[in-house]
Protein backbone atom coordinates (compact mmCIF):
# COMPACT_ATOMS: atom_id res chain seq x y z
CA UNK A 1 -107.18 23.94 -38.89
CA UNK A 2 -104.63 26.49 -37.81
CA UNK A 3 -102.84 25.93 -34.52
CA UNK A 4 -100.48 28.22 -32.56
CA UNK A 5 -96.82 27.29 -32.82
CA UNK A 6 -96.33 28.65 -29.30
CA UNK A 7 -99.08 26.44 -27.96
CA UNK A 8 -97.44 23.45 -29.76
CA UNK A 9 -94.09 24.30 -28.14
CA UNK A 10 -95.70 24.62 -24.68
CA UNK A 11 -97.28 21.12 -25.10
CA UNK A 12 -93.93 19.69 -26.22
CA UNK A 13 -92.13 21.06 -23.16
CA UNK A 14 -94.82 19.59 -20.91
CA UNK A 15 -94.31 16.23 -22.57
CA UNK A 16 -90.48 16.51 -22.42
CA UNK A 17 -90.10 16.51 -26.21
CA UNK A 18 -86.96 17.92 -27.81
CA UNK A 19 -87.36 20.53 -30.57
CA UNK A 20 -85.09 19.54 -33.47
CA UNK A 21 -86.18 21.89 -36.32
CA UNK A 22 -88.60 24.51 -37.64
CA UNK A 23 -89.26 25.39 -41.30
CA UNK A 24 -90.64 28.89 -41.33
CA UNK A 25 -91.81 28.69 -45.00
CA UNK A 26 -94.10 25.73 -44.42
CA UNK A 27 -94.72 26.62 -40.68
CA UNK A 28 -93.76 23.04 -39.73
CA UNK A 29 -92.06 22.27 -36.45
CA UNK A 30 -90.33 18.93 -35.58
CA UNK A 31 -89.81 17.21 -32.16
CA UNK A 32 -87.86 14.22 -30.97
CA UNK A 33 -89.29 11.70 -28.43
CA UNK A 34 -87.54 8.74 -26.92
CA UNK A 35 -83.88 7.50 -26.89
CA UNK A 36 -81.67 5.05 -28.88
CA UNK A 37 -83.26 3.26 -31.84
CA UNK A 38 -86.74 3.48 -30.28
CA UNK A 39 -87.22 7.10 -31.02
CA UNK A 40 -90.23 8.87 -32.63
CA UNK A 41 -90.10 11.99 -34.71
CA UNK A 42 -93.20 14.13 -34.56
CA UNK A 43 -93.84 16.87 -37.24
CA UNK A 44 -96.67 19.41 -36.72
CA UNK A 45 -97.88 21.60 -39.67
CA UNK A 46 -99.32 24.53 -37.72
CA UNK A 47 -101.14 25.95 -40.76
CA UNK A 48 -103.25 22.87 -41.56
CA UNK A 49 -103.22 21.07 -38.20
CA UNK A 50 -101.60 17.96 -39.85
CA UNK A 51 -99.45 15.84 -37.55
CA UNK A 52 -96.95 13.29 -38.95
CA UNK A 53 -95.33 10.63 -36.74
CA UNK A 54 -92.29 8.68 -37.90
CA UNK A 55 -91.50 5.68 -35.68
CA UNK A 56 -90.57 2.03 -35.41
CA UNK A 57 -93.49 -0.32 -36.00
CA UNK A 58 -93.12 -3.60 -34.23
CA UNK A 59 -93.83 -5.55 -37.39
CA UNK A 60 -93.34 -3.29 -40.39
CA UNK A 61 -90.22 -1.44 -39.28
CA UNK A 62 -89.95 2.33 -39.81
CA UNK A 63 -93.25 3.84 -40.82
CA UNK A 64 -94.87 7.30 -41.17
CA UNK A 65 -98.39 8.08 -40.09
CA UNK A 66 -100.37 11.28 -40.75
CA UNK A 67 -103.36 12.79 -38.98
CA UNK A 68 -105.08 15.82 -40.48
CA UNK A 69 -107.09 18.67 -39.01
CA UNK A 70 -105.93 17.88 -35.45
CA UNK A 71 -107.06 20.07 -32.60
CA UNK A 72 -104.61 21.22 -29.92
CA UNK A 73 -105.94 18.50 -27.61
CA UNK A 74 -105.45 15.87 -30.30
CA UNK A 75 -101.94 17.06 -30.84
CA UNK A 76 -101.25 16.71 -27.16
CA UNK A 77 -102.66 13.19 -27.26
CA UNK A 78 -100.33 12.24 -30.10
CA UNK A 79 -97.31 13.69 -28.16
CA UNK A 80 -98.25 11.53 -25.28
CA UNK A 81 -98.87 8.47 -27.49
CA UNK A 82 -97.66 8.71 -31.12
CA UNK A 83 -99.24 5.31 -31.91
CA UNK A 84 -102.82 6.69 -31.33
CA UNK A 85 -104.94 5.80 -34.41
CA UNK A 86 -107.54 7.97 -36.13
CA UNK A 87 -108.66 5.87 -39.06
CA UNK A 88 -105.68 6.30 -41.36
CA UNK A 89 -102.90 3.75 -42.02
CA UNK A 90 -99.20 3.29 -41.91
CA UNK A 91 -96.88 3.61 -44.87
CA UNK A 92 -93.48 2.07 -45.28
CA UNK A 93 -90.95 3.37 -47.78
CA UNK A 94 -91.66 0.55 -50.18
CA UNK A 95 -95.38 1.07 -49.81
CA UNK A 96 -95.12 4.81 -50.63
CA UNK A 97 -93.04 4.17 -53.79
CA UNK A 98 -95.54 1.43 -54.82
CA UNK A 99 -98.49 3.82 -54.38
CA UNK A 100 -96.81 6.55 -56.44
CA UNK A 101 -95.98 4.16 -59.22
CA UNK A 102 -99.45 2.88 -59.33
CA UNK A 103 -101.12 6.25 -59.42
CA UNK A 104 -98.78 7.69 -62.07
CA UNK A 105 -99.33 4.78 -64.40
CA UNK A 106 -102.36 5.61 -66.68
CA UNK A 107 -105.19 3.17 -66.79
CA UNK A 108 -105.13 3.11 -70.60
CA UNK A 109 -101.70 4.12 -72.04
CA UNK A 110 -102.05 7.32 -74.21
CA UNK A 111 -105.76 6.72 -74.75
CA UNK A 112 -108.76 9.07 -74.15
CA UNK A 113 -112.46 8.18 -74.14
CA UNK A 114 -114.49 10.08 -76.56
CA UNK A 115 -117.91 11.33 -75.33
CA UNK A 116 -120.50 12.73 -77.71
CA UNK A 117 -122.22 15.92 -76.80
CA UNK A 118 -124.26 16.98 -79.71
CA UNK A 119 -121.91 17.67 -82.64
CA UNK A 120 -118.81 17.88 -80.38
CA UNK A 121 -116.59 15.13 -78.92
CA UNK A 122 -114.83 15.73 -75.56
CA UNK A 123 -112.03 13.81 -73.91
CA UNK A 124 -111.47 13.59 -70.16
CA UNK A 125 -107.90 13.12 -68.76
CA UNK A 126 -106.90 10.29 -66.50
CA UNK A 127 -106.44 12.72 -63.68
CA UNK A 128 -110.02 13.95 -64.05
CA UNK A 129 -111.25 10.43 -63.92
CA UNK A 130 -109.09 9.46 -60.96
CA UNK A 131 -110.70 8.57 -57.68
CA UNK A 132 -110.44 11.47 -55.18
CA UNK A 133 -109.31 9.04 -52.52
CA UNK A 134 -106.61 7.87 -54.81
CA UNK A 135 -105.39 11.37 -55.36
CA UNK A 136 -105.31 11.94 -51.64
CA UNK A 137 -103.37 8.77 -51.26
CA UNK A 138 -100.95 10.02 -53.87
CA UNK A 139 -100.43 13.27 -51.96
CA UNK A 140 -99.78 11.32 -48.86
CA UNK A 141 -97.30 9.06 -50.64
CA UNK A 142 -95.51 12.03 -52.10
CA UNK A 143 -95.19 13.63 -48.66
CA UNK A 144 -94.06 10.33 -47.32
CA UNK A 145 -91.43 9.99 -50.04
CA UNK A 146 -90.17 13.58 -49.42
CA UNK A 147 -90.02 12.82 -45.74
CA UNK A 148 -88.07 9.63 -46.44
CA UNK A 149 -85.64 11.52 -48.66
CA UNK A 150 -85.14 14.00 -45.85
CA UNK A 151 -84.67 11.16 -43.39
CA UNK A 152 -82.12 9.59 -45.67
CA UNK A 153 -80.31 12.94 -45.79
CA UNK A 154 -80.45 13.04 -41.99
CA UNK A 155 -79.15 9.49 -41.89
CA UNK A 156 -76.35 10.36 -44.22
CA UNK A 157 -75.41 13.27 -41.84
CA UNK A 158 -75.70 10.94 -38.89
CA UNK A 159 -73.40 8.49 -40.74
CA UNK A 160 -70.88 11.29 -41.27
CA UNK A 161 -71.01 12.11 -37.62
CA UNK A 162 -70.58 8.46 -36.74
CA UNK A 163 -67.71 8.34 -39.13
CA UNK A 164 -66.09 11.32 -37.47
CA UNK A 165 -66.49 9.67 -34.10
CA UNK A 166 -64.87 6.41 -35.50
CA UNK A 167 -62.10 8.52 -37.01
CA UNK A 168 -61.56 10.31 -33.69
CA UNK A 169 -61.32 6.92 -31.94
CA UNK A 170 -58.90 5.61 -34.45
CA UNK A 171 -56.84 8.79 -34.13
CA UNK A 172 -56.83 8.37 -30.36
CA UNK A 173 -55.76 4.78 -30.77
CA UNK A 174 -53.00 5.87 -33.14
CA UNK A 175 -51.90 8.57 -30.67
CA UNK A 176 -51.83 5.95 -27.96
CA UNK A 177 -49.70 3.76 -30.08
CA UNK A 178 -47.34 6.60 -30.70
CA UNK A 179 -47.32 7.34 -26.95
CA UNK A 180 -46.41 3.73 -26.15
CA UNK A 181 -43.66 3.79 -28.75
CA UNK A 182 -42.32 7.07 -27.15
CA UNK A 183 -42.44 5.46 -23.71
CA UNK A 184 -40.56 2.44 -25.08
CA UNK A 185 -37.98 4.81 -26.52
CA UNK A 186 -37.73 6.64 -23.10
CA UNK A 187 -37.38 3.27 -21.38
CA UNK A 188 -34.56 2.29 -23.72
CA UNK A 189 -32.94 5.81 -23.14
CA UNK A 190 -33.24 5.26 -19.37
CA UNK A 191 -31.49 1.85 -19.73
CA UNK A 192 -28.77 3.46 -21.74
CA UNK A 193 -28.34 6.14 -19.11
CA UNK A 194 -28.18 3.55 -16.36
CA UNK A 195 -25.59 1.62 -18.35
CA UNK A 196 -23.54 4.83 -18.84
CA UNK A 197 -23.90 5.69 -15.18
CA UNK A 198 -22.59 2.20 -14.22
CA UNK A 199 -19.69 2.65 -16.60
CA UNK A 200 -19.03 6.15 -15.05
CA UNK A 201 -19.02 4.73 -11.56
CA UNK A 202 -16.59 1.98 -12.54
CA UNK A 203 -14.38 4.66 -14.20
CA UNK A 204 -14.64 6.87 -11.10
CA UNK A 205 -13.72 3.98 -8.88
CA UNK A 206 -10.66 3.28 -11.12
CA UNK A 207 -9.72 6.96 -11.02
CA UNK A 208 -10.16 7.00 -7.26
CA UNK A 209 -7.83 4.02 -6.94
CA UNK A 210 -5.32 5.71 -9.23
CA UNK A 211 -5.64 8.99 -7.17
CA UNK A 212 -4.95 7.12 -3.97
CA UNK A 213 -1.91 5.51 -5.49
CA UNK A 214 -0.69 8.89 -6.67
CA UNK A 215 -1.41 10.44 -3.23
CA UNK A 216 0.49 7.63 -1.53
CA UNK A 217 3.43 8.23 -3.98
CA UNK A 218 3.32 11.96 -3.24
CA UNK A 219 3.24 11.42 0.48
CA UNK A 220 6.15 8.98 0.23
CA UNK A 221 8.05 11.57 -1.83
CA UNK A 222 7.23 14.22 0.74
CA UNK A 223 8.40 12.07 3.67
CA UNK A 224 11.58 11.33 1.66
CA UNK A 225 12.11 15.12 1.02
CA UNK A 226 11.57 15.90 4.65
CA UNK A 227 14.00 13.21 5.77
CA UNK A 228 16.47 14.53 3.25
CA UNK A 229 16.04 18.11 4.55
CA UNK A 230 16.55 16.75 8.06
CA UNK A 231 19.72 14.93 7.15
CA UNK A 232 21.00 18.06 5.34
CA UNK A 233 20.44 20.15 8.58
CA UNK A 234 22.02 17.42 10.73
CA UNK A 235 24.96 17.22 8.39
CA UNK A 236 25.45 21.00 8.66
CA UNK A 237 25.46 20.74 12.45
CA UNK A 238 28.00 17.91 12.35
CA UNK A 239 30.20 19.93 10.02
CA UNK A 240 30.12 22.88 12.42
CA UNK A 241 30.94 20.68 15.42
CA UNK A 242 33.81 19.22 13.43
CA UNK A 243 35.16 22.68 12.59
CA UNK A 244 34.92 23.66 16.27
CA UNK A 245 36.81 20.53 17.39
CA UNK A 246 39.52 21.06 14.72
CA UNK A 247 39.97 24.67 16.08
CA UNK A 248 40.40 23.40 19.65
CA UNK A 249 37.21 24.82 20.83
CA UNK A 250 35.06 23.09 23.31
CA UNK A 251 31.76 21.76 21.90
CA UNK A 252 28.98 23.89 23.41
CA UNK A 253 25.30 23.00 23.75
CA UNK A 254 23.85 25.18 20.97
CA UNK A 255 20.37 25.46 22.56
CA UNK A 256 20.10 25.43 26.35
CA UNK A 257 17.38 23.33 27.88
CA UNK A 258 15.44 26.29 29.26
CA UNK A 259 15.36 27.87 25.78
CA UNK A 260 14.11 24.61 24.28
CA UNK A 261 11.22 24.58 26.87
CA UNK A 262 10.40 28.20 26.17
CA UNK A 263 10.46 27.62 22.51
CA UNK A 264 8.05 24.65 22.99
CA UNK A 265 5.65 26.72 24.96
CA UNK A 266 5.87 29.56 22.34
CA UNK A 267 5.10 27.06 19.52
CA UNK A 268 2.06 25.80 21.34
CA UNK A 269 0.79 29.28 21.81
CA UNK A 270 1.36 30.14 18.12
CA UNK A 271 -0.61 27.02 17.11
CA UNK A 272 -3.52 27.97 19.40
CA UNK A 273 -3.54 31.44 17.84
CA UNK A 274 -3.77 29.81 14.39
CA UNK A 275 -6.48 27.47 15.53
CA UNK A 276 -5.89 23.69 16.09
CA UNK A 277 -9.53 22.69 15.54
CA UNK A 278 -11.55 23.03 12.37
CA UNK A 279 -14.86 22.60 10.49
CA UNK A 280 -15.09 22.46 6.72
CA UNK A 281 -17.33 21.79 3.77
CA UNK A 282 -15.74 20.45 0.56
CA UNK A 283 -16.76 18.18 -2.34
CA UNK A 284 -16.79 14.57 -1.23
CA UNK A 285 -13.87 13.64 -3.51
CA UNK A 286 -11.62 16.10 -1.56
CA UNK A 287 -12.68 15.37 2.06
CA UNK A 288 -10.56 12.32 2.68
CA UNK A 289 -7.36 14.00 1.40
CA UNK A 290 -8.12 17.20 3.33
CA UNK A 291 -8.62 15.37 6.60
CA UNK A 292 -5.51 13.27 6.09
CA UNK A 293 -3.44 16.38 5.56
CA UNK A 294 -4.80 18.22 8.58
CA UNK A 295 -2.61 18.70 11.61
CA UNK A 296 -2.05 21.20 14.41
CA UNK A 297 1.14 22.23 12.71
CA UNK A 298 -0.53 23.81 9.62
CA UNK A 299 0.64 27.37 9.17
CA UNK A 300 -1.47 28.02 6.15
CA UNK A 301 -4.56 26.56 4.57
CA UNK A 302 -6.36 27.92 1.49
CA UNK A 303 -9.38 26.99 -0.64
CA UNK A 304 -10.03 27.92 -4.27
CA UNK A 305 -9.86 26.81 -7.84
CA UNK A 306 -12.08 23.80 -6.74
CA UNK A 307 -9.16 22.52 -4.56
CA UNK A 308 -7.09 23.25 -1.50
CA UNK A 309 -3.57 23.51 -0.24
CA UNK A 310 -2.20 22.87 3.30
CA UNK A 311 1.24 24.19 4.29
CA UNK A 312 2.89 22.76 7.45
CA UNK A 313 5.54 24.13 9.68
CA UNK A 314 9.04 24.22 8.19
CA UNK A 315 10.44 20.80 7.57
CA UNK A 316 7.03 19.05 7.54
CA UNK A 317 5.95 19.52 4.01
CA UNK A 318 2.55 20.32 2.32
CA UNK A 319 -0.55 18.71 0.89
CA UNK A 320 -2.71 19.89 -2.01
CA UNK A 321 -5.38 18.98 -4.59
CA UNK A 322 -6.51 20.72 -7.71
CA UNK A 323 -4.35 23.81 -7.39
CA UNK A 324 -3.53 25.92 -10.49
CA UNK A 325 -1.01 24.16 -12.75
CA UNK A 326 1.56 26.96 -12.30
CA UNK A 327 1.57 26.56 -8.43
CA UNK A 328 1.59 22.75 -8.68
CA UNK A 329 4.72 22.92 -10.85
CA UNK A 330 6.46 25.33 -8.51
CA UNK A 331 5.81 23.03 -5.56
CA UNK A 332 6.64 19.74 -7.09
CA UNK A 333 9.89 20.90 -8.68
CA UNK A 334 11.39 22.43 -5.47
CA UNK A 335 14.58 20.67 -4.36
CA UNK A 336 14.94 19.11 -0.93
CA UNK A 337 17.22 21.93 0.31
CA UNK A 338 14.67 24.72 -0.56
CA UNK A 339 12.29 25.77 2.26
CA UNK A 340 8.54 25.14 1.81
CA UNK A 341 6.12 28.03 1.28
CA UNK A 342 5.20 30.07 4.35
CA UNK A 343 1.78 31.28 3.08
CA UNK A 344 -0.42 30.51 0.08
CA UNK A 345 -3.74 31.82 -1.24
CA UNK A 346 -5.93 30.43 -4.02
CA UNK A 347 -8.62 31.95 -6.28
CA UNK A 348 -10.69 30.93 -9.28
CA UNK A 349 -9.45 31.13 -12.90
CA UNK A 350 -5.90 30.09 -12.06
CA UNK A 351 -5.16 32.87 -9.59
CA UNK A 352 -2.79 32.20 -6.68
CA UNK A 353 -0.19 33.77 -4.36
CA UNK A 354 2.70 32.04 -2.50
CA UNK A 355 5.25 33.54 -0.18
CA UNK A 356 8.44 31.86 1.15
CA UNK A 357 10.25 32.36 4.55
CA UNK A 358 12.96 34.33 2.77
CA UNK A 359 10.43 36.92 1.57
CA UNK A 360 10.33 35.72 -2.02
CA UNK A 361 6.84 35.63 -3.48
CA UNK A 362 5.26 34.28 -6.64
CA UNK A 363 1.69 34.82 -7.93
CA UNK A 364 -0.65 34.60 -10.97
CA UNK A 365 -3.42 37.06 -11.34
CA UNK A 366 -4.66 40.32 -12.96
CA UNK A 367 -2.16 42.90 -14.19
CA UNK A 368 -3.30 45.28 -11.46
CA UNK A 369 -2.16 42.86 -8.76
CA UNK A 370 1.20 42.36 -10.43
CA UNK A 371 1.72 46.14 -10.65
CA UNK A 372 0.94 46.58 -7.02
CA UNK A 373 3.03 43.67 -5.66
CA UNK A 374 6.08 44.65 -7.87
CA UNK A 375 6.03 48.14 -6.32
CA UNK A 376 5.21 47.05 -2.72
CA UNK A 377 8.38 46.35 -0.71
CA UNK A 378 6.61 45.40 2.54
CA UNK A 379 6.02 41.80 3.51
CA UNK A 380 2.57 40.38 2.75
CA UNK A 381 0.46 38.80 5.44
CA UNK A 382 -2.58 37.74 3.36
CA UNK A 383 -3.89 37.93 -0.25
CA UNK A 384 -7.56 37.32 -1.11
CA UNK A 385 -9.06 36.86 -4.57
CA UNK A 386 -12.67 38.08 -5.17
CA UNK A 387 -15.57 36.83 -7.35
CA UNK A 388 -14.41 38.91 -10.34
CA UNK A 389 -10.99 38.22 -11.81
CA UNK A 390 -9.79 41.77 -11.24
CA UNK A 391 -10.88 41.92 -7.59
CA UNK A 392 -8.13 41.35 -4.95
CA UNK A 393 -7.29 42.42 -1.33
CA UNK A 394 -3.78 42.55 0.05
CA UNK A 395 -2.99 42.84 3.77
CA UNK A 396 0.68 43.70 4.80
CA UNK A 397 2.52 42.56 7.93
CA UNK A 398 2.27 46.05 9.40
CA UNK A 399 -1.54 46.00 9.10
CA UNK A 400 -1.90 48.26 6.16
CA UNK A 401 -3.96 47.09 3.26
CA UNK A 402 -4.84 47.73 -0.39
CA UNK A 403 -7.67 46.38 -2.54
CA UNK A 404 -8.90 46.58 -6.18
CA UNK A 405 -12.15 45.89 -7.97
CA UNK A 406 -15.58 45.31 -6.51
CA UNK A 407 -15.35 43.90 -3.00
CA UNK A 408 -18.56 43.01 -1.01
CA UNK A 409 -20.50 46.00 0.20
CA UNK A 410 -20.59 44.75 3.83
CA UNK A 411 -16.83 44.50 3.87
CA UNK A 412 -16.45 48.00 2.52
CA UNK A 413 -18.79 49.27 5.19
CA UNK A 414 -16.74 47.71 8.00
CA UNK A 415 -13.56 49.14 6.52
CA UNK A 416 -15.10 52.58 6.43
CA UNK A 417 -16.54 52.33 9.94
CA UNK A 418 -13.36 51.07 11.69
CA UNK A 419 -9.97 52.56 11.35
CA UNK A 420 -8.11 49.34 12.39
CA UNK A 421 -4.89 47.68 11.32
CA UNK A 422 -5.79 44.39 9.69
CA UNK A 423 -4.53 40.84 10.24
CA UNK A 424 -6.17 39.13 7.26
CA UNK A 425 -9.03 39.23 4.84
CA UNK A 426 -10.66 36.31 2.93
CA UNK A 427 -12.99 36.47 -0.07
CA UNK A 428 -15.19 33.76 -1.63
CA UNK A 429 -16.63 33.07 -5.03
CA UNK A 430 -20.17 33.94 -3.88
CA UNK A 431 -19.37 37.26 -2.16
CA UNK A 432 -18.56 35.60 1.23
CA UNK A 433 -16.01 37.56 3.28
CA UNK A 434 -14.11 37.47 6.48
CA UNK A 435 -12.05 40.26 8.10
CA UNK A 436 -9.83 40.02 11.22
CA UNK A 437 -8.33 43.12 12.75
CA UNK A 438 -4.99 43.23 14.54
CA UNK A 439 -7.00 43.87 17.72
CA UNK A 440 -8.53 40.35 17.50
CA UNK A 441 -11.96 41.63 16.45
CA UNK A 442 -13.42 39.69 13.48
CA UNK A 443 -16.39 40.22 11.07
CA UNK A 444 -17.85 38.03 8.37
CA UNK A 445 -20.98 37.94 6.14
CA UNK A 446 -22.48 36.33 3.01
CA UNK A 447 -21.80 32.80 4.24
CA UNK A 448 -24.19 29.92 3.48
CA UNK A 449 -26.86 28.83 5.92
CA UNK A 450 -25.00 25.56 6.60
CA UNK A 451 -21.83 27.45 7.58
CA UNK A 452 -23.84 29.91 9.65
CA UNK A 453 -25.33 27.09 11.66
CA UNK A 454 -21.92 25.48 12.14
CA UNK A 455 -20.15 28.57 13.44
CA UNK A 456 -23.03 29.86 15.72
CA UNK A 457 -21.65 28.05 18.79
CA UNK A 458 -17.94 28.79 18.15
CA UNK A 459 -18.17 32.40 16.93
CA UNK A 460 -16.11 33.68 19.89
CA UNK A 461 -13.40 31.05 19.17
CA UNK A 462 -12.86 31.57 15.47
CA UNK A 463 -9.29 32.36 14.41
CA UNK A 464 -9.60 32.07 10.52
CA UNK A 465 -12.06 31.61 7.72
CA UNK A 466 -11.46 30.90 4.00
CA UNK A 467 -13.85 30.22 1.12
CA UNK A 468 -13.84 28.38 -2.17
CA UNK A 469 -15.53 29.07 -5.51
CA UNK A 470 -18.69 27.06 -5.01
CA UNK A 471 -19.67 27.50 -1.38
CA UNK A 472 -16.72 25.48 -0.07
CA UNK A 473 -15.46 26.79 3.32
CA UNK A 474 -13.13 26.14 6.33
CA UNK A 475 -13.25 27.57 9.77
CA UNK A 476 -10.28 27.25 12.16
CA UNK A 477 -10.97 27.77 15.90
CA UNK A 478 -9.46 27.14 19.35
């Protein structure tokens, strides 16, 4: 009985069966019903109407059951209840093999029965003499065996898939083990880093102690040098008084009291113009030294080269940290009788400029700066070093100026827009700049947000700005 494959598929969808295969050559379609080990496989031969069910028998285990010449209604009933009987029986694998063996074994080995028909004798084969029911059973057993072989193939494939799953799990477990080993290595690395950090802190503390010892020694030497300079000046005064006495001249008061008072007032005014108050931002390692060296008597303060230098009024010394080696040597080797610098400026990459009260000046920088300073006879008021090595800006005491290299664009705009004599210009390592004209007007730009917030409330009181290489800065104000 021929049934429509589309009708069979419609019935399967109504019964929520899963289609798992279709063999076009034999026009057989297969479905899956149930879950887990309690599943049933239903095969429908659409050309003959045969339905085969492969399921788990409660007593016999896996069995196959065939129904022939099934109508579409019968097929639907089997889809609902695969255990529905129709007079046939179950076959296990062992039973199918047993039936095949029994049928293929001849009843009488290699023997034929003669039958007389007149003068002729005829022999009938074992197959011809077989019971038709037995042949039908053989066909069923052969089909059962082929189905079992296919099922074994399917089981082998399922075993392969299961093995892949197991291998995947084992791989994940192996990966997890590697991950744990890597985490252990990272933990050990973290412990090592912590240990190194502790050693670094201990070393830093030792260096800080050594630095303080060195600073105290330098301060002591500076105090001794200042005292020596004071004694030298006093000795010169005493010698002059002695000369006057020997010549019969009356000893005169060298500085009248009213002049001393005027000089004191003039010094206070000068200090206010320089700025006696300050805000700054420096690396933590420099802050303490900078604050210790600060006083109202500072005539020059400069940042650069990841350090600073503070120059006090004549006879009061100086304080510095991390200045270029050449400048440090010049400062530390000056004798007690030589005056301290009057002005200094610092820049990155070992650049510096220093000027003394007698007009002598020393510097280290690009060849263009050396060429210019060697040809300039006028006194220098300020020197600034830019971000690039060849960038510099010189302001003279008369307000004239000269610059070289690539200065910040905003600074160049101000210079082009205002024809002023200048008082000073400062440049930073991140294109920060500050300009003060001789009229007292000042401009600045490129500063950090922190510095901008700091100077917002004192912008009308600012007397000086200077910048370091890595966003360090100082503001003097009054």
